[in-house]
Amino acid sequence: MSENHERRERLSFEDFHLVRFPNGRSRVRVRMDWTQGRSYSGEAEGNQTLEGEVRAAADAALKAAAGATEGQLNLDLRGTKALKVFDSWVVVVMVRAWIEDEPLQLLGAYPCPDEDTPRGAVMAVLDATNRVLRQYLAA
């Protein structure tokens, strides 16, 4: 295969869009890229709080990741947390993946540049899920 058509075993971050509404809600859209022009999107809504936007971003990213497996892998967002560590934000996510009817707990973390915690949540989901996604993406 040529370099441009090489199969990757991991999803990569493609696009992120956060909209804040006057009613105190927000909507997050995430797009992940795989290979050969294949991309997967997810969308979620939450409250306009640190916790609400981090959770919505992680949920949208998880929907995109699950879509990439075309229903072969069940993923469940167990929790999100934004932590202030050494004057910087770090987002941590816990995801449960069901593999052959057995639950597997996946932990992902990402340091947030410029305090962009929602985008950090997307990257933390990729950190958690890419380890198990490779067997479903390579098929």
Protein backbone atom coordinates (compact mmCIF):
# COMPACT_ATOMS: atom_id res chain seq x y z
CA MET A 1 0.00 0.00 0.00
CA SER A 2 1.15 3.51 -0.64
CA GLU A 3 1.72 5.89 2.26
CA ASN A 4 -1.52 7.75 1.52
CA HIS A 5 -3.59 4.56 1.66
CA GLU A 6 -1.84 2.85 4.54
CA ARG A 7 -4.26 1.36 7.06
CA ARG A 8 -3.98 2.83 10.51
CA GLU A 9 -4.98 0.97 13.63
CA ARG A 10 -6.00 4.10 15.54
CA LEU A 11 -8.55 6.84 15.16
CA SER A 12 -7.19 10.36 15.02
CA PHE A 13 -8.75 13.64 16.01
CA GLU A 14 -10.14 15.53 13.01
CA ASP A 15 -12.53 18.29 14.13
CA PHE A 16 -14.19 19.70 17.23
CA HIS A 17 -17.01 22.21 17.47
CA LEU A 18 -18.54 23.58 20.69
CA VAL A 19 -21.64 25.78 20.63
CA ARG A 20 -22.90 27.54 23.76
CA PHE A 21 -26.58 28.52 23.84
CA PRO A 22 -28.22 31.38 25.79
CA ASN A 23 -30.28 28.87 27.83
CA GLY A 24 -27.16 27.55 29.59
CA ARG A 25 -26.78 24.43 27.43
CA SER A 26 -23.99 23.55 25.03
CA ARG A 27 -23.60 21.16 22.10
CA VAL A 28 -20.40 19.42 21.10
CA ARG A 29 -19.68 17.85 17.72
CA VAL A 30 -16.61 15.70 17.23
CA ARG A 31 -15.22 14.12 14.08
CA MET A 32 -12.60 11.38 14.07
CA ASP A 33 -10.63 10.22 11.06
CA TRP A 34 -9.48 6.73 10.34
CA THR A 35 -8.04 6.04 6.90
CA GLN A 36 -8.86 6.36 3.21
CA GLY A 37 -11.19 9.28 3.83
CA ARG A 38 -13.28 7.45 6.42
CA SER A 39 -14.47 9.67 9.25
CA TYR A 40 -16.90 9.20 12.11
CA SER A 41 -18.88 11.82 14.00
CA GLY A 42 -20.54 12.11 17.37
CA GLU A 43 -22.67 14.78 19.00
CA ALA A 44 -23.81 15.38 22.57
CA GLU A 45 -25.32 18.12 24.68
CA GLY A 46 -24.65 19.24 28.23
CA ASN A 47 -24.77 22.12 30.66
CA GLN A 48 -22.48 25.13 30.26
CA THR A 49 -20.34 24.17 33.21
CA LEU A 50 -16.86 22.75 33.33
CA GLU A 51 -18.23 19.32 34.20
CA GLY A 52 -21.12 19.50 31.74
CA GLU A 53 -18.99 20.46 28.75
CA VAL A 54 -16.29 17.91 29.57
CA ARG A 55 -18.91 15.16 29.87
CA ALA A 56 -20.65 16.20 26.62
CA ALA A 57 -17.34 16.31 24.72
CA ALA A 58 -16.33 12.88 26.03
CA ASP A 59 -19.77 11.47 25.16
CA ALA A 60 -19.59 12.88 21.61
CA ALA A 61 -16.10 11.43 21.14
CA LEU A 62 -17.23 8.05 22.43
CA LYS A 63 -20.15 8.04 19.98
CA ALA A 64 -17.74 8.71 17.12
CA ALA A 65 -15.38 5.96 18.30
CA ALA A 66 -18.22 3.46 18.66
CA GLY A 67 -19.46 4.37 15.18
CA ALA A 68 -16.06 3.48 13.77
CA THR A 69 -16.54 -0.12 14.93
CA GLU A 70 -19.88 -0.33 13.08
CA GLY A 71 -21.62 -1.80 16.10
CA GLN A 72 -19.00 -4.46 16.85
CA LEU A 73 -17.88 -2.88 20.13
CA ASN A 74 -20.08 -1.50 22.90
CA LEU A 75 -18.56 1.47 24.70
CA ASP A 76 -20.00 3.13 27.78
CA LEU A 77 -18.80 6.39 29.35
CA ARG A 78 -18.48 5.70 33.07
CA GLY A 79 -17.18 9.09 34.14
CA THR A 80 -15.17 12.21 33.43
CA LYS A 81 -13.12 14.47 35.63
CA ALA A 82 -11.22 17.70 34.97
CA LEU A 83 -8.43 18.17 37.48
CA LYS A 84 -6.20 21.14 38.13
CA VAL A 85 -2.68 19.70 38.40
CA PHE A 86 0.40 21.92 38.70
CA ASP A 87 -1.48 24.98 37.37
CA SER A 88 -2.77 23.10 34.30
CA TRP A 89 -5.95 21.17 33.56
CA VAL A 90 -5.89 17.43 32.96
CA VAL A 91 -9.00 15.54 31.85
CA VAL A 92 -9.43 11.93 32.91
CA VAL A 93 -12.13 9.62 31.52
CA MET A 94 -13.26 6.13 32.44
CA VAL A 95 -14.79 4.04 29.65
CA ARG A 96 -16.19 0.54 29.83
CA ALA A 97 -15.78 -1.60 26.73
CA TRP A 98 -17.68 -4.85 26.37
CA ILE A 99 -15.48 -7.42 24.67
CA GLU A 100 -17.06 -10.85 24.20
CA ASP A 101 -19.56 -10.10 27.02
CA GLU A 102 -16.73 -9.23 29.40
CA PRO A 103 -16.42 -5.66 30.69
CA LEU A 104 -13.03 -3.98 30.37
CA GLN A 105 -12.36 -0.71 32.18
CA LEU A 106 -10.34 1.77 30.13
CA LEU A 107 -8.76 4.89 31.57
CA GLY A 108 -7.62 7.83 29.46
CA ALA A 109 -6.02 11.14 30.37
CA TYR A 110 -4.97 14.23 28.49
CA PRO A 111 -3.30 17.50 29.58
CA CYS A 112 -5.33 20.42 28.24
CA PRO A 113 -3.51 23.13 26.33
CA ASP A 114 -4.82 26.64 27.00
CA GLU A 115 -7.39 25.29 29.51
CA ASP A 116 -9.50 23.80 26.67
CA THR A 117 -11.00 21.06 28.83
CA PRO A 118 -13.73 19.95 26.38
CA ARG A 119 -11.16 19.29 23.66
CA GLY A 120 -8.99 17.58 26.26
CA ALA A 121 -11.92 15.25 27.03
CA VAL A 122 -12.02 14.20 23.36
CA MET A 123 -8.33 13.40 23.42
CA ALA A 124 -8.68 11.51 26.72
CA VAL A 125 -11.38 9.32 25.12
CA LEU A 126 -9.01 8.56 22.24
CA ASP A 127 -6.29 7.73 24.75
CA ALA A 128 -8.62 5.28 26.49
CA THR A 129 -10.26 3.65 23.48
CA ASN A 130 -7.56 3.43 20.82
CA ARG A 131 -5.96 0.50 22.65
CA VAL A 132 -9.01 -1.71 22.01
CA LEU A 133 -10.29 -0.12 18.81
CA ARG A 134 -7.36 -1.39 16.74
CA GLN A 135 -8.76 -4.93 16.58
CA TYR A 136 -12.08 -3.62 15.24
CA LEU A 137 -10.65 -1.03 12.84
CA ALA A 138 -8.13 -3.38 11.27
CA ALA A 139 -10.84 -5.90 10.32
